[in-house]
Every structure is written in C-alpha cells, then in structure tokens.
Amino acid sequence: MTFNEGLQIDPDRVSSGGGPGMGGGIALGGGALGIIALIATLLLGGDPGSILGQFTGADSQQQGTAQTPEHCKTGADANKYVDCRVVLTVQSLDSVWNTELPKQTRKRYVEPKVQLFSGVINTGCGRASSAVGPFYCPADQTAYFDTSFFQELKDRFGATGGPLAEEYVVAHEFGHHIQNLLGDLGRAQRDPRGPESGAVRTELQADCYAGVWAYWADKLPAPGSSEPFLKPLTRDQIRDALSAAAAVGDDHIQKSSGARVNPEAWTHGSSEQRQKWFLAGYQTGQVTSCDTYNARDLDNPPTLKL
C-alpha cells in the first residue's frame, strides 16, 4: 500500500481519449520503446527525424481511447488500480508543487493537463503512439500516459515494479512541466544528445524533481485532510522507484537492444545517474538540489549523501 485509503479521488483531474490535435513542439520524456528506436537509428548513423515520424503519426492507425476512471473513488482504489493510482499521484503532485514551487522559486504553479490514452493520440506536439511511452508535450502543457507502459517496464526492462515505481514515472513527466514553468525546458532542444548534453541534463533534472515530490508527498497534508497523500515511504518502495529509474537509463536500454554502450547517443542519462539525481531530490526536497545544468559532474550530484 502507498496511498492513505480514505483520500478522495477527483476523476475529473485527468482526461482520456483524443487530444487537442496536431501541432508543433517536441515531446519530452518518451518511454523505453521510443528511446530504443531512436538510439538504434543514431548508432547506425540514420536520421532521428525519420524514426520519430513512426511515433508521431506517419501511419494510418486509428486513435485509441482509454476508459475514464469512473471507478476511482478513494485512496484504496489507487492502491488497487493503476489508472486510479495515476489520478491520485497527479493530485499529490499538484498539492506538492502548488505549495513548494512558489515557496522555493517564487513561481506560480499552473496545473498541467493529464491525458490517459491507448494506441495513438493527437497532441499539441503531433500524433503519438503508445510506443513512445509516457511523455510531456510543452505545446499543450499536457502529460500523456498509456498505463500499459508500467507493465512493460517490468516485463521487458527488468524494473521491480511496485506502486512507487509507477508514481515515479508520473512525477518525472510532471518534472518536465516544472521545467517548462521555470523556462528551462528549451535547453534540451538546443543540445539534443551526448553524455553532457542539455537533453541528458534536462532528463536528470526531471528525475530530481520526481525525488523532490517523493520527499514531500508523505509529509504535506492533502487538501481538506490532515493526512498526506502517501503513507511513510519505506526503503523497499524507494528501491522500486530507483529500479524504474535504472530501467530507463540510456546504457541499460542500449544493452537491452543489443547495441554497445555509446554515451554519445545518450538522451536521458545512465541508469546510475538517473538513480542518483532522484535521490538528490528525495533527500532534500529542494529544487536547488536539482541544478543539473550547472553540475560539473553528472555522476555525482553535489547534494547527494550516500
């Protein structure tokens, strides 16, 4: 169990099915399948734009839908059903960032939209398929989730699973929204790959922001309640989140795809880096602990205590 059972779920916080249509912009935080395809193309010297076209609607697939989670009522449902867990994680993220973002950065928190889907969906960043995994589109300020990705994370990439592993994925995409609000998200596009690239630093910072959320989620009372969203996190739950972070490390994905480890093709950072930056946020709960852009050594976050 992760969530306090008596908390009320707002099923209207997320949408399902169709997106707002075609548009510009670049989606961030794509999942394991999309990363594997992109890495393979880069390793072979191909055009990354050609492979991304496969994931942004260069086909005739029909747009899929996901059922609205009307069965999601309380925290007990979130502990049982993955779609309910996404909704209540979103509410927890809203609560934490609505409090901590203005307190720590003097920036107002604006809730992102959240969309559950399956198959193919139109977004402000173009047409996307489930193959890219969860992602955030800055053009429409929406985080998109196909919950089948969580099972693939376990089955194909070796994550241990567990509720906090899934919640970490949601928190990571919200991390991109925080970057968007703070004006940092564009750095990834200016420097798209390599072990010290802006893309890697952007993804590692989103991992760190996920850790900041985890720090506060079992401490700050939920709106209208004396209880926080999460019960006190255990070491095993933190290990689950770290396992998910490791599973989507560039080096792990390259090995899983049968390629050699090539840091020059990295877009998200190594498994170890992703784990360490999540911990840097989780240990402190401070946005200032997540300054990956000025970090001299991405392998060793300056605030991390091991």
Protein backbone atom coordinates (compact mmCIF):
# COMPACT_ATOMS: atom_id res chain seq x y z
CA MET A 1 0.00 0.00 0.00
CA THR A 2 1.17 3.54 -0.77
CA PHE A 3 -1.75 5.97 -0.52
CA ASN A 4 -3.79 6.71 2.56
CA GLU A 5 -7.00 4.83 1.83
CA GLY A 6 -9.52 7.49 2.85
CA LEU A 7 -8.38 10.19 0.43
CA GLN A 8 -10.90 11.19 -2.20
CA ILE A 9 -10.03 10.88 -5.88
CA ASP A 10 -11.08 13.56 -8.34
CA PRO A 11 -11.77 11.59 -11.55
CA ASP A 12 -12.14 14.83 -13.49
CA ARG A 13 -8.49 15.70 -12.94
CA VAL A 14 -7.48 13.56 -15.92
CA SER A 15 -8.95 13.15 -19.39
CA SER A 16 -8.99 10.14 -21.68
CA GLY A 17 -9.05 9.51 -25.39
CA GLY A 18 -8.48 12.19 -28.04
CA GLY A 19 -6.00 15.01 -27.76
CA PRO A 20 -6.19 18.61 -28.96
CA GLY A 21 -4.97 17.98 -32.46
CA MET A 22 -1.79 18.34 -34.47
CA GLY A 23 0.75 21.00 -33.68
CA GLY A 24 4.37 21.94 -33.19
CA GLY A 25 6.85 21.37 -30.42
CA ILE A 26 8.86 18.44 -29.16
CA ALA A 27 7.59 15.93 -26.64
CA LEU A 28 9.91 15.05 -23.78
CA GLY A 29 10.25 12.05 -21.54
CA GLY A 30 9.38 9.39 -24.13
CA GLY A 31 9.44 5.85 -22.84
CA ALA A 32 11.65 2.88 -23.41
CA LEU A 33 10.43 1.71 -26.83
CA GLY A 34 10.78 5.10 -28.45
CA ILE A 35 14.20 5.58 -26.90
CA ILE A 36 15.41 2.20 -28.16
CA ALA A 37 14.33 3.00 -31.71
CA LEU A 38 15.93 6.44 -31.57
CA ILE A 39 19.19 5.10 -30.12
CA ALA A 40 19.36 2.38 -32.76
CA THR A 41 18.94 4.96 -35.51
CA LEU A 42 21.66 7.19 -34.07
CA LEU A 43 24.05 4.27 -33.68
CA LEU A 44 23.54 3.34 -37.32
CA GLY A 45 24.05 6.90 -38.47
CA GLY A 46 20.44 7.46 -39.54
CA ASP A 47 18.17 10.47 -39.37
CA PRO A 48 16.46 10.60 -35.96
CA GLY A 49 13.61 12.56 -37.50
CA SER A 50 12.70 9.58 -39.66
CA ILE A 51 12.24 7.26 -36.71
CA LEU A 52 10.34 9.84 -34.70
CA GLY A 53 7.94 10.05 -37.60
CA GLN A 54 6.93 6.50 -36.84
CA PHE A 55 5.82 7.57 -33.39
CA THR A 56 4.13 10.84 -34.31
CA GLY A 57 1.51 9.65 -36.71
CA ALA A 58 3.19 8.89 -40.03
CA ASP A 59 0.78 5.97 -40.36
CA SER A 60 -2.93 5.34 -40.65
CA GLN A 61 -3.63 3.88 -37.21
CA GLN A 62 -6.84 4.94 -35.59
CA GLN A 63 -6.61 6.99 -32.46
CA GLY A 64 -7.10 4.87 -29.36
CA THR A 65 -9.01 5.69 -26.23
CA ALA A 66 -8.82 4.82 -22.55
CA GLN A 67 -11.80 4.48 -20.29
CA THR A 68 -12.46 7.35 -17.96
CA PRO A 69 -11.57 6.05 -14.48
CA GLU A 70 -15.06 6.39 -13.04
CA HIS A 71 -14.37 3.53 -10.63
CA CYS A 72 -11.69 5.61 -8.93
CA LYS A 73 -13.17 6.91 -5.68
CA THR A 74 -10.61 6.74 -2.85
CA GLY A 75 -7.02 6.04 -1.99
CA ALA A 76 -7.96 2.40 -1.55
CA ASP A 77 -8.79 2.27 -5.26
CA ALA A 78 -5.49 3.93 -6.08
CA ASN A 79 -3.71 1.17 -4.19
CA LYS A 80 -5.58 -1.40 -6.28
CA TYR A 81 -5.95 0.00 -9.81
CA VAL A 82 -3.17 1.51 -11.88
CA ASP A 83 -5.37 4.16 -13.58
CA CYS A 84 -6.65 5.31 -10.19
CA ARG A 85 -3.06 5.41 -8.99
CA VAL A 86 -2.14 7.77 -11.83
CA VAL A 87 -5.03 10.09 -10.94
CA LEU A 88 -4.21 10.27 -7.24
CA THR A 89 -0.48 10.65 -7.99
CA VAL A 90 -1.41 13.62 -10.18
CA GLN A 91 -3.42 15.12 -7.32
CA SER A 92 -0.48 14.59 -4.97
CA LEU A 93 1.89 16.26 -7.44
CA ASP A 94 -0.48 19.21 -7.77
CA SER A 95 -0.60 19.57 -4.00
CA VAL A 96 3.17 19.39 -3.51
CA TRP A 97 4.10 21.71 -6.35
CA ASN A 98 1.32 24.18 -5.61
CA THR A 99 2.91 24.60 -2.18
CA GLU A 100 6.61 24.18 -2.85
CA LEU A 101 7.14 25.79 -6.25
CA PRO A 102 6.14 29.33 -5.20
CA LYS A 103 7.78 28.86 -1.81
CA GLN A 104 11.09 27.74 -3.28
CA THR A 105 11.20 29.59 -6.62
CA ARG A 106 8.61 32.41 -6.36
CA LYS A 107 6.98 30.99 -9.48
CA ARG A 108 3.27 30.22 -9.52
CA TYR A 109 2.32 26.62 -10.13
CA VAL A 110 -0.07 26.04 -13.02
CA GLU A 111 -1.54 22.56 -13.24
CA PRO A 112 -0.70 20.66 -16.42
CA LYS A 113 -3.37 18.74 -18.23
CA VAL A 114 -3.18 14.96 -17.95
CA GLN A 115 -4.39 12.52 -20.58
CA LEU A 116 -4.77 8.74 -20.39
CA PHE A 117 -4.76 7.00 -23.77
CA SER A 118 -4.01 3.79 -25.60
CA GLY A 119 -2.90 3.19 -29.16
CA VAL A 120 -2.46 6.54 -30.91
CA ILE A 121 -3.37 10.06 -29.85
CA ASN A 122 -3.20 13.56 -31.32
CA THR A 123 -1.28 16.03 -29.19
CA GLY A 124 -0.03 19.58 -29.40
CA CYS A 125 3.33 18.09 -30.36
CA GLY A 126 1.92 15.91 -33.14
CA ARG A 127 0.39 12.46 -33.34
CA ALA A 128 1.97 9.98 -30.93
CA SER A 129 1.64 6.28 -30.30
CA SER A 130 1.92 4.24 -27.13
CA ALA A 131 5.32 3.08 -28.37
CA VAL A 132 6.97 6.24 -27.07
CA GLY A 133 5.78 5.59 -23.53
CA PRO A 134 4.73 8.39 -21.16
CA PHE A 135 5.66 11.87 -22.34
CA TYR A 136 5.10 15.56 -21.73
CA CYS A 137 4.18 17.98 -24.52
CA PRO A 138 5.09 21.60 -23.75
CA ALA A 139 2.99 22.90 -26.65
CA ASP A 140 -0.25 21.93 -24.91
CA GLN A 141 1.22 21.59 -21.39
CA THR A 142 -0.13 18.05 -21.15
CA ALA A 143 1.34 14.84 -19.73
CA TYR A 144 0.28 11.71 -21.62
CA PHE A 145 0.17 8.21 -20.15
CA ASP A 146 -0.64 4.79 -21.52
CA THR A 147 -0.69 2.72 -18.34
CA SER A 148 0.39 -0.44 -20.22
CA PHE A 149 3.89 1.04 -20.15
CA PHE A 150 4.23 0.23 -16.47
CA GLN A 151 3.88 -3.49 -17.12
CA GLU A 152 6.37 -3.29 -20.00
CA LEU A 153 8.80 -1.57 -17.68
CA LYS A 154 8.75 -4.71 -15.55
CA ASP A 155 8.48 -7.40 -18.19
CA ARG A 156 10.92 -6.11 -20.78
CA PHE A 157 13.31 -3.87 -18.94
CA GLY A 158 13.59 -5.53 -15.56
CA ALA A 159 12.15 -2.92 -13.20
CA THR A 160 10.94 -4.43 -9.95
CA GLY A 161 7.54 -2.78 -10.26
CA GLY A 162 5.55 -1.58 -7.29
CA PRO A 163 3.31 1.47 -6.89
CA LEU A 164 6.11 3.96 -6.26
CA ALA A 165 7.84 2.88 -9.47
CA GLU A 166 4.71 3.88 -11.38
CA GLU A 167 4.33 7.07 -9.38
CA TYR A 168 7.96 7.97 -10.17
CA VAL A 169 7.15 7.82 -13.90
CA VAL A 170 4.22 10.22 -13.44
CA ALA A 171 6.33 12.51 -11.25
CA HIS A 172 9.11 12.55 -13.86
CA GLU A 173 6.73 13.84 -16.54
CA PHE A 174 5.48 16.48 -14.13
CA GLY A 175 9.14 17.37 -13.65
CA HIS A 176 9.20 18.40 -17.31
CA HIS A 177 6.20 20.61 -16.67
CA ILE A 178 8.03 22.29 -13.80
CA GLN A 179 10.96 22.88 -16.15
CA ASN A 180 8.54 24.41 -18.62
CA LEU A 181 7.15 26.76 -15.98
CA LEU A 182 10.67 27.76 -14.94
CA GLY A 183 11.79 28.36 -18.54
CA ASP A 184 14.39 25.58 -18.66
CA LEU A 185 12.78 23.03 -20.95
CA GLY A 186 14.16 24.51 -24.18
CA ARG A 187 17.72 23.64 -23.17
CA ALA A 188 17.13 20.04 -24.21
CA GLN A 189 16.37 21.02 -27.80
CA ARG A 190 19.49 23.17 -28.17
CA ASP A 191 21.79 20.29 -27.21
CA PRO A 192 19.99 17.05 -28.06
CA ARG A 193 22.36 14.18 -27.24
CA GLY A 194 25.61 13.15 -25.61
CA PRO A 195 26.69 12.36 -22.03
CA GLU A 196 26.95 16.05 -21.04
CA SER A 197 24.17 17.30 -23.30
CA GLY A 198 21.32 19.59 -22.44
CA ALA A 199 18.93 16.72 -23.17
CA VAL A 200 20.58 14.49 -20.56
CA ARG A 201 20.73 17.32 -18.02
CA THR A 202 17.04 18.04 -18.65
CA GLU A 203 16.02 14.42 -18.07
CA LEU A 204 18.17 14.07 -14.95
CA GLN A 205 16.64 17.24 -13.55
CA ALA A 206 13.15 15.81 -14.12
CA ASP A 207 14.28 12.74 -12.16
CA CYS A 208 15.45 15.02 -9.37
CA TYR A 209 12.13 16.88 -9.35
CA ALA A 210 10.42 13.49 -9.04
CA GLY A 211 12.55 12.96 -5.94
CA VAL A 212 11.52 16.36 -4.57
CA TRP A 213 7.89 15.31 -4.92
CA ALA A 214 8.56 12.00 -3.13
CA TYR A 215 10.17 13.88 -0.23
CA TRP A 216 7.05 15.99 0.38
CA ALA A 217 4.31 13.54 -0.66
CA ASP A 218 4.31 11.67 2.65
CA LYS A 219 4.68 14.85 4.74
CA LEU A 220 2.40 17.62 3.43
CA PRO A 221 -1.30 17.19 4.33
CA ALA A 222 -3.56 16.65 1.34
CA PRO A 223 -6.05 19.48 0.67
CA GLY A 224 -9.02 19.09 3.01
CA SER A 225 -7.32 16.37 5.03
CA SER A 226 -4.98 16.08 7.98
CA GLU A 227 -3.21 13.18 6.25
CA PRO A 228 -0.61 13.36 3.48
CA PHE A 229 -1.29 11.59 0.20
CA LEU A 230 1.31 8.89 0.77
CA LYS A 231 1.92 6.76 3.79
CA PRO A 232 5.54 7.00 5.05
CA LEU A 233 7.73 5.68 2.28
CA THR A 234 9.75 2.56 3.00
CA ARG A 235 13.20 1.62 1.79
CA ASP A 236 11.67 -1.07 -0.41
CA GLN A 237 9.40 1.46 -2.09
CA ILE A 238 12.32 3.80 -2.74
CA ARG A 239 14.20 0.85 -4.22
CA ASP A 240 11.24 0.25 -6.55
CA ALA A 241 11.42 3.85 -7.76
CA LEU A 242 15.18 3.56 -8.24
CA SER A 243 14.68 0.34 -10.17
CA ALA A 244 12.32 2.12 -12.56
CA ALA A 245 14.82 4.95 -12.99
CA ALA A 246 17.58 2.43 -13.74
CA ALA A 247 15.40 0.56 -16.24
CA VAL A 248 15.12 3.64 -18.46
CA GLY A 249 18.80 4.60 -18.28
CA ASP A 250 20.37 5.00 -21.72
CA ASP A 251 23.13 2.48 -21.04
CA HIS A 252 20.64 -0.15 -19.87
CA ILE A 253 18.39 0.44 -22.89
CA GLN A 254 21.35 0.22 -25.28
CA LYS A 255 22.36 -3.11 -23.78
CA SER A 256 18.76 -4.35 -23.90
CA SER A 257 18.56 -3.51 -27.60
CA GLY A 258 21.75 -5.47 -28.33
CA ALA A 259 23.87 -2.40 -29.01
CA ARG A 260 27.11 -1.39 -27.38
CA VAL A 261 27.03 1.34 -24.76
CA ASN A 262 27.60 4.59 -26.63
CA PRO A 263 27.38 7.69 -24.41
CA GLU A 264 27.49 9.98 -27.44
CA ALA A 265 23.96 8.78 -28.31
CA TRP A 266 22.56 9.36 -24.82
CA THR A 267 19.47 11.50 -24.38
CA HIS A 268 18.37 10.61 -20.82
CA GLY A 269 21.48 9.68 -18.83
CA SER A 270 22.81 6.44 -17.44
CA SER A 271 20.93 4.21 -15.00
CA GLU A 272 23.25 5.23 -12.18
CA GLN A 273 22.87 8.92 -12.94
CA ARG A 274 19.08 8.70 -13.02
CA GLN A 275 19.04 6.95 -9.67
CA LYS A 276 21.44 9.42 -8.06
CA TRP A 277 19.57 12.52 -9.22
CA PHE A 278 16.26 11.10 -8.00
CA LEU A 279 17.90 10.54 -4.62
CA ALA A 280 19.36 14.06 -4.63
CA GLY A 281 15.82 15.44 -4.80
CA TYR A 282 14.40 12.89 -2.39
CA GLN A 283 17.00 13.53 0.30
CA THR A 284 16.49 17.29 0.36
CA GLY A 285 13.06 18.16 -1.03
CA GLN A 286 14.67 21.25 -2.54
CA VAL A 287 14.51 22.49 -6.12
CA THR A 288 18.00 23.94 -5.72
CA SER A 289 19.36 20.40 -5.33
CA CYS A 290 18.35 19.72 -8.94
CA ASP A 291 20.60 22.16 -10.81
CA THR A 292 21.87 19.66 -13.35
CA TYR A 293 22.67 22.40 -15.86
CA ASN A 294 25.47 23.79 -13.72
CA ALA A 295 26.61 20.47 -12.29
CA ARG A 296 30.26 19.80 -13.06
CA ASP A 297 29.94 16.06 -12.60
CA LEU A 298 26.62 14.45 -13.52
CA ASP A 299 27.79 11.21 -11.91
CA ASN A 300 27.95 12.88 -8.51
CA PRO A 301 25.15 15.34 -7.61
CA PRO A 302 26.70 17.83 -5.18
CA THR A 303 23.92 17.49 -2.57
CA LEU A 304 23.69 13.68 -2.65
CA LYS A 305 24.67 11.85 0.53
CA LEU A 306 25.31 8.13 0.11
